[in-house]
């Protein structure tokens, strides 16, 4: 999965992929040859999710500040 494809993922989709990778790792379903690739992908998905959460938090703060009475 490319960085652009990850960037275009919705939060829920990225989180679901991250969960799938986590389960595969926990169940030792990832071969040693694919381990690095899966861990890198998981890291990219986690960063994407963090970014989405931060962005949403910032937008909500702006809305609250704008709607707050003076």
N, C-alpha and C. Protein backbone atom coordinates (compact mmCIF):
# COMPACT_ATOMS: atom_id res chain seq x y z
N UNK A 1 0.85 -1.17 0.00
CA UNK A 1 0.00 0.00 0.00
C UNK A 1 0.90 1.24 0.00
N UNK A 2 0.61 2.15 -0.90
CA UNK A 2 1.44 3.35 -1.01
C UNK A 2 1.03 4.39 0.04
N UNK A 3 1.92 5.35 0.24
CA UNK A 3 1.61 6.43 1.19
C UNK A 3 0.37 7.20 0.75
N UNK A 4 0.22 7.38 -0.56
CA UNK A 4 -0.95 8.10 -1.07
C UNK A 4 -2.23 7.32 -0.79
N UNK A 5 -2.18 6.01 -0.96
CA UNK A 5 -3.35 5.18 -0.68
C UNK A 5 -3.72 5.26 0.81
N UNK A 6 -2.71 5.24 1.65
CA UNK A 6 -2.97 5.37 3.09
C UNK A 6 -3.55 6.74 3.40
N UNK A 7 -3.01 7.77 2.78
CA UNK A 7 -3.49 9.13 3.00
C UNK A 7 -4.97 9.28 2.62
N UNK A 8 -5.40 8.53 1.62
CA UNK A 8 -6.78 8.62 1.15
C UNK A 8 -7.76 7.76 1.95
N UNK A 9 -7.24 6.97 2.87
CA UNK A 9 -8.12 6.11 3.67
C UNK A 9 -8.92 6.91 4.68
N UNK A 10 -10.15 6.50 4.89
CA UNK A 10 -10.93 7.05 5.98
C UNK A 10 -10.40 6.48 7.27
N UNK A 11 -10.63 7.17 8.36
CA UNK A 11 -10.13 6.75 9.67
C UNK A 11 -10.54 5.32 9.99
N UNK A 12 -11.83 5.02 9.85
CA UNK A 12 -12.33 3.69 10.21
C UNK A 12 -11.68 2.59 9.37
N UNK A 13 -11.45 2.86 8.10
CA UNK A 13 -10.82 1.87 7.23
C UNK A 13 -9.36 1.64 7.64
N UNK A 14 -8.66 2.72 7.95
CA UNK A 14 -7.26 2.59 8.37
C UNK A 14 -7.17 1.84 9.70
N UNK A 15 -8.08 2.15 10.61
CA UNK A 15 -8.10 1.48 11.90
C UNK A 15 -8.39 -0.01 11.74
N UNK A 16 -9.29 -0.36 10.85
CA UNK A 16 -9.62 -1.76 10.60
C UNK A 16 -8.40 -2.51 10.04
N UNK A 17 -7.70 -1.90 9.11
CA UNK A 17 -6.49 -2.52 8.57
C UNK A 17 -5.43 -2.70 9.66
N UNK A 18 -5.31 -1.70 10.50
CA UNK A 18 -4.36 -1.77 11.61
C UNK A 18 -4.71 -2.91 12.55
N UNK A 19 -5.99 -3.08 12.84
CA UNK A 19 -6.43 -4.17 13.70
C UNK A 19 -6.12 -5.53 13.06
N UNK A 20 -6.36 -5.63 11.75
CA UNK A 20 -6.09 -6.88 11.05
C UNK A 20 -4.60 -7.25 11.13
N UNK A 21 -3.74 -6.27 10.92
CA UNK A 21 -2.30 -6.52 11.02
C UNK A 21 -1.94 -6.94 12.43
N UNK A 22 -2.49 -6.25 13.41
CA UNK A 22 -2.21 -6.56 14.81
C UNK A 22 -2.60 -8.00 15.15
N UNK A 23 -3.76 -8.42 14.69
CA UNK A 23 -4.22 -9.79 14.95
C UNK A 23 -3.29 -10.80 14.29
N UNK A 24 -2.89 -10.52 13.04
CA UNK A 24 -1.97 -11.42 12.34
C UNK A 24 -0.64 -11.53 13.09
N UNK A 25 -0.15 -10.40 13.59
CA UNK A 25 1.11 -10.41 14.33
C UNK A 25 0.97 -11.18 15.64
N UNK A 26 -0.12 -10.93 16.35
CA UNK A 26 -0.34 -11.62 17.62
C UNK A 26 -0.47 -13.13 17.44
N UNK A 27 -1.10 -13.55 16.34
CA UNK A 27 -1.31 -14.96 16.06
C UNK A 27 -0.15 -15.60 15.31
N UNK A 28 0.89 -14.82 15.13
CA UNK A 28 2.10 -15.29 14.42
C UNK A 28 1.77 -15.82 13.02
N UNK A 29 0.88 -15.10 12.34
CA UNK A 29 0.47 -15.46 10.99
C UNK A 29 1.28 -14.73 9.92
N UNK A 30 2.27 -13.98 10.34
CA UNK A 30 3.10 -13.22 9.40
C UNK A 30 4.46 -13.91 9.33
N UNK A 31 4.87 -14.21 8.11
CA UNK A 31 6.17 -14.85 7.95
C UNK A 31 7.28 -13.85 8.27
N UNK A 32 8.41 -14.36 8.59
CA UNK A 32 9.56 -13.51 8.93
C UNK A 32 9.91 -12.61 7.74
N UNK A 33 9.67 -13.11 6.53
CA UNK A 33 9.96 -12.33 5.33
C UNK A 33 9.04 -11.12 5.17
N UNK A 34 7.81 -11.25 5.68
CA UNK A 34 6.83 -10.17 5.56
C UNK A 34 6.74 -9.31 6.81
N UNK A 35 7.44 -9.69 7.85
CA UNK A 35 7.31 -9.01 9.14
C UNK A 35 7.64 -7.52 9.05
N UNK A 36 8.76 -7.20 8.44
CA UNK A 36 9.17 -5.80 8.33
C UNK A 36 8.15 -4.98 7.55
N UNK A 37 7.66 -5.53 6.46
CA UNK A 37 6.68 -4.83 5.64
C UNK A 37 5.39 -4.57 6.42
N UNK A 38 4.94 -5.57 7.16
CA UNK A 38 3.71 -5.43 7.93
C UNK A 38 3.87 -4.43 9.07
N UNK A 39 5.01 -4.45 9.72
CA UNK A 39 5.25 -3.50 10.82
C UNK A 39 5.33 -2.07 10.27
N UNK A 40 5.99 -1.89 9.13
CA UNK A 40 6.05 -0.55 8.52
C UNK A 40 4.66 -0.06 8.15
N UNK A 41 3.86 -0.94 7.56
CA UNK A 41 2.50 -0.57 7.18
C UNK A 41 1.68 -0.22 8.43
N UNK A 42 1.81 -1.02 9.47
CA UNK A 42 1.09 -0.74 10.71
C UNK A 42 1.49 0.62 11.28
N UNK A 43 2.76 0.93 11.23
CA UNK A 43 3.24 2.22 11.71
C UNK A 43 2.65 3.37 10.89
N UNK A 44 2.62 3.21 9.58
CA UNK A 44 2.06 4.25 8.71
C UNK A 44 0.57 4.42 8.97
N UNK A 45 -0.14 3.32 9.16
CA UNK A 45 -1.57 3.39 9.45
C UNK A 45 -1.82 4.06 10.80
N UNK A 46 -1.00 3.73 11.79
CA UNK A 46 -1.14 4.35 13.11
C UNK A 46 -0.91 5.86 13.03
N UNK A 47 0.11 6.26 12.30
CA UNK A 47 0.39 7.70 12.14
C UNK A 47 -0.76 8.39 11.41
N UNK A 48 -1.32 7.73 10.42
CA UNK A 48 -2.46 8.29 9.68
C UNK A 48 -3.65 8.48 10.62
N UNK A 49 -3.92 7.48 11.44
CA UNK A 49 -5.04 7.58 12.39
C UNK A 49 -4.81 8.71 13.40
N UNK A 50 -3.59 8.83 13.91
CA UNK A 50 -3.26 9.92 14.84
C UNK A 50 -3.48 11.27 14.18
N UNK A 51 -3.05 11.38 12.93
CA UNK A 51 -3.20 12.63 12.20
C UNK A 51 -4.68 12.98 12.01
N UNK A 52 -5.47 12.00 11.66
CA UNK A 52 -6.92 12.22 11.47
C UNK A 52 -7.56 12.67 12.79
N UNK A 53 -7.19 12.02 13.89
CA UNK A 53 -7.75 12.39 15.19
C UNK A 53 -7.36 13.81 15.57
N UNK A 54 -6.09 14.17 15.35
CA UNK A 54 -5.61 15.51 15.66
C UNK A 54 -6.34 16.56 14.83
N UNK A 55 -6.50 16.27 13.55
CA UNK A 55 -7.19 17.19 12.65
C UNK A 55 -8.64 17.39 13.09
N UNK A 56 -9.29 16.31 13.44
CA UNK A 56 -10.68 16.40 13.88
C UNK A 56 -10.78 17.18 15.19
N UNK A 57 -9.86 16.91 16.10
CA UNK A 57 -9.84 17.63 17.37
C UNK A 57 -9.66 19.14 17.13
N UNK A 58 -8.74 19.50 16.25
CA UNK A 58 -8.50 20.92 15.94
C UNK A 58 -9.74 21.58 15.34
N UNK A 59 -10.41 20.86 14.44
CA UNK A 59 -11.62 21.41 13.82
C UNK A 59 -12.72 21.62 14.85
N UNK A 60 -12.87 20.67 15.76
CA UNK A 60 -13.90 20.79 16.80
C UNK A 60 -13.59 21.96 17.72
N UNK A 61 -12.33 22.14 18.06
CA UNK A 61 -11.96 23.28 18.91
C UNK A 61 -12.30 24.60 18.22
N UNK A 62 -12.04 24.68 16.91
CA UNK A 62 -12.36 25.90 16.16
C UNK A 62 -13.86 26.16 16.17
N UNK A 63 -14.65 25.11 15.99
CA UNK A 63 -16.10 25.26 15.98
C UNK A 63 -16.59 25.74 17.33
N UNK A 64 -16.06 25.14 18.39
CA UNK A 64 -16.48 25.51 19.74
C UNK A 64 -16.10 26.96 20.04
N UNK A 65 -14.88 27.35 19.66
CA UNK A 65 -14.44 28.72 19.90
C UNK A 65 -15.27 29.72 19.10
N UNK A 66 -15.62 29.37 17.88
CA UNK A 66 -16.41 30.26 17.02
C UNK A 66 -17.83 30.42 17.57
N UNK A 67 -18.38 29.33 18.08
CA UNK A 67 -19.76 29.36 18.58
C UNK A 67 -19.89 29.83 20.02
N UNK A 68 -18.77 30.01 20.70
CA UNK A 68 -18.81 30.42 22.10
C UNK A 68 -19.26 31.88 22.20
N UNK A 69 -20.14 32.16 23.17
CA UNK A 69 -20.57 33.55 23.35
C UNK A 69 -19.43 34.41 23.86
N UNK A 70 -19.44 35.66 23.46
CA UNK A 70 -18.37 36.58 23.88
C UNK A 70 -18.60 37.11 25.28
